[in-house]
Protein backbone atom coordinates (compact mmCIF):
# COMPACT_ATOMS: atom_id res chain seq x y z
CA MET A 1 -0.17 -0.20 0.07
CA SER A 2 1.27 3.42 -1.16
CA GLU A 3 1.51 6.04 1.24
CA SER A 4 -1.42 8.57 1.41
CA LYS A 5 -1.05 11.97 -0.29
CA TYR A 6 -3.73 12.83 2.81
CA PRO A 7 -3.25 10.35 5.53
CA PHE A 8 -5.35 12.39 7.96
CA ARG A 9 -8.18 12.65 5.38
CA TYR A 10 -7.72 9.49 4.78
CA ALA A 11 -7.99 8.25 8.26
CA THR A 12 -10.58 10.65 9.17
CA LEU A 13 -13.29 9.72 6.96
CA GLY A 14 -11.89 6.46 4.67
CA GLU A 15 -12.72 6.13 0.98
CA ALA A 16 -15.53 8.66 0.60
CA ALA A 17 -11.93 11.16 0.96
CA ALA A 18 -11.35 10.14 -2.24
CA ARG A 19 -14.89 11.55 -3.47
CA LEU A 20 -13.86 15.27 -2.21
CA PRO A 21 -12.75 18.26 -4.52
CA ASP A 22 -8.76 18.49 -4.61
CA ASP A 23 -8.85 22.17 -2.53
CA LEU A 24 -11.37 21.22 0.21
CA ALA A 25 -8.90 18.19 0.75
CA CYS A 26 -5.72 20.14 1.04
CA THR A 27 -8.02 22.49 3.41
CA LEU A 28 -8.92 19.39 5.81
CA GLU A 29 -5.29 17.80 5.61
CA ASP A 30 -4.11 21.04 7.01
CA THR A 31 -6.73 21.45 9.93
CA PHE A 32 -6.11 17.53 10.78
CA VAL A 33 -2.18 18.41 10.63
CA ALA A 34 -2.69 21.62 13.15
CA ILE A 35 -4.83 19.41 15.34
CA GLN A 36 -2.00 16.77 15.24
CA ILE A 37 1.02 18.91 15.83
CA PRO A 38 2.44 19.32 19.26
CA GLY A 39 1.94 22.97 20.52
CA ALA A 40 -0.32 23.84 17.06
CA ARG A 41 -3.09 24.73 20.29
CA ARG A 42 -2.46 25.14 23.59
CA PRO A 43 -2.73 21.74 25.25
CA ASP A 44 -4.31 22.92 28.78
CA SER A 45 -7.19 25.19 27.01
CA ILE A 46 -10.47 24.12 27.26
CA THR A 47 -11.75 22.63 23.99
CA VAL A 48 -13.94 19.32 23.15
CA LEU A 49 -10.92 17.98 20.66
CA ASN A 50 -8.27 18.70 24.14
CA CYS A 51 -11.14 17.62 26.27
CA LEU A 52 -11.07 14.29 24.16
CA GLN A 53 -7.37 13.58 24.31
CA ARG A 54 -7.06 13.92 27.42
CA ILE A 55 -9.84 11.78 28.14
CA ARG A 56 -8.03 9.40 25.91
CA GLU A 57 -4.94 10.04 27.72
CA VAL A 58 -6.84 8.14 30.75
CA GLU A 59 -8.76 11.44 32.69
CA ALA A 60 -10.66 10.33 35.63
CA ALA A 61 -13.62 12.36 36.82
CA ASN A 62 -11.69 15.08 38.24
CA GLY A 63 -9.49 15.71 35.63
CA GLN A 64 -6.61 14.52 36.71
CA PRO A 65 -4.63 11.15 35.15
CA TRP A 66 -5.71 7.88 36.54
CA PRO A 67 -2.55 6.87 38.93
CA SER A 68 -0.96 3.72 36.87
CA LYS A 69 0.00 1.71 40.55
CA GLY A 70 0.22 -1.30 39.33
CA HIS A 71 -1.93 -1.26 36.58
CA THR A 72 -1.51 -1.56 32.87
CA LEU A 73 -2.66 1.17 30.53
CA GLY A 74 -5.81 -0.56 29.74
CA GLN A 75 -6.79 -1.79 33.53
CA CYS A 76 -5.80 2.47 33.74
CA MET A 77 -8.19 3.17 31.14
CA ALA A 78 -11.28 0.99 32.09
CA LEU A 79 -11.04 2.17 35.78
CA ALA A 80 -11.01 6.44 34.59
CA ARG A 81 -13.77 5.23 32.69
CA ILE A 82 -15.95 3.83 35.19
CA ASP A 83 -15.10 6.51 37.53
CA ARG A 84 -16.10 9.23 35.02
CA ALA A 85 -19.29 7.04 34.29
CA ASN A 86 -19.93 7.56 38.36
CA ALA A 87 -19.80 10.58 38.49
CA GLY A 88 -21.98 11.40 35.81
CA GLN A 89 -24.69 8.50 37.77
CA THR A 90 -23.82 10.44 41.07
CA PHE A 91 -24.81 13.48 39.74
CA LEU A 92 -28.20 12.55 37.89
CA LEU A 93 -29.24 10.69 40.82
CA GLU A 94 -28.65 13.24 43.20
CA LEU A 95 -30.53 16.00 40.40
CA LEU A 96 -33.53 13.49 40.15
CA HIS A 97 -33.82 13.23 43.81
CA SER A 98 -33.69 17.05 44.45
CA ILE A 99 -36.25 17.52 41.91
CA GLU A 100 -38.62 14.72 43.77
CA ARG A 101 -38.22 15.74 46.97
CA THR A 102 -38.92 19.20 45.82
CA ARG A 103 -42.16 18.11 43.80
CA VAL A 104 -43.14 16.33 47.41
CA ASP A 105 -42.60 18.41 49.75
CA GLY A 106 -41.63 22.06 47.97
CA ASP A 107 -43.15 25.68 46.61
CA GLU A 108 -44.86 25.60 44.07
CA SER A 109 -43.13 27.98 42.50
CA GLU A 110 -40.05 25.61 42.64
CA GLN A 111 -40.44 22.74 41.05
CA VAL A 112 -39.87 21.34 38.15
CA SER A 113 -42.09 20.82 35.09
CA ASP A 114 -43.74 17.26 34.55
CA GLY A 115 -42.21 17.65 30.83
CA ALA A 116 -38.86 18.66 32.54
CA ARG A 117 -39.14 15.89 34.95
CA ARG A 118 -39.84 13.48 32.36
CA ALA A 119 -37.33 14.26 30.32
CA ALA A 120 -34.42 13.78 32.78
CA VAL A 121 -35.92 9.94 33.93
CA CYS A 122 -35.65 9.75 30.06
CA LEU A 123 -32.47 10.55 29.33
CA PRO A 124 -30.26 8.17 27.04
CA GLY A 125 -28.92 5.11 29.10
CA ALA A 126 -31.04 6.22 31.73
CA GLY A 127 -33.64 3.36 31.46
């Protein structure tokens, strides 16, 4: 297999990349290259790409890399994912609990609407 003129474009889009006009392909490739070059963007900035990169680098729910004390990289990744999932589910449970307590015991002006409660309970992955 010969080396592609646009390796990032093909890695991202697969065979669909061949159908792109050359000028668009060049622009996309330049963008992908800029994202990959260290120092091209501040690694500490809060962007979607940076957050995803840190998550891929075994970032736990507290924003810090998972400690590798005697664990393989795969185990660290699994533990970090469990930690993030647990934090997210704990937050949702606390939110739903506070909404329910307000519904039962709170002032009517402070209650969340029925539609919002149903939407919160029917979140993807919530049941």
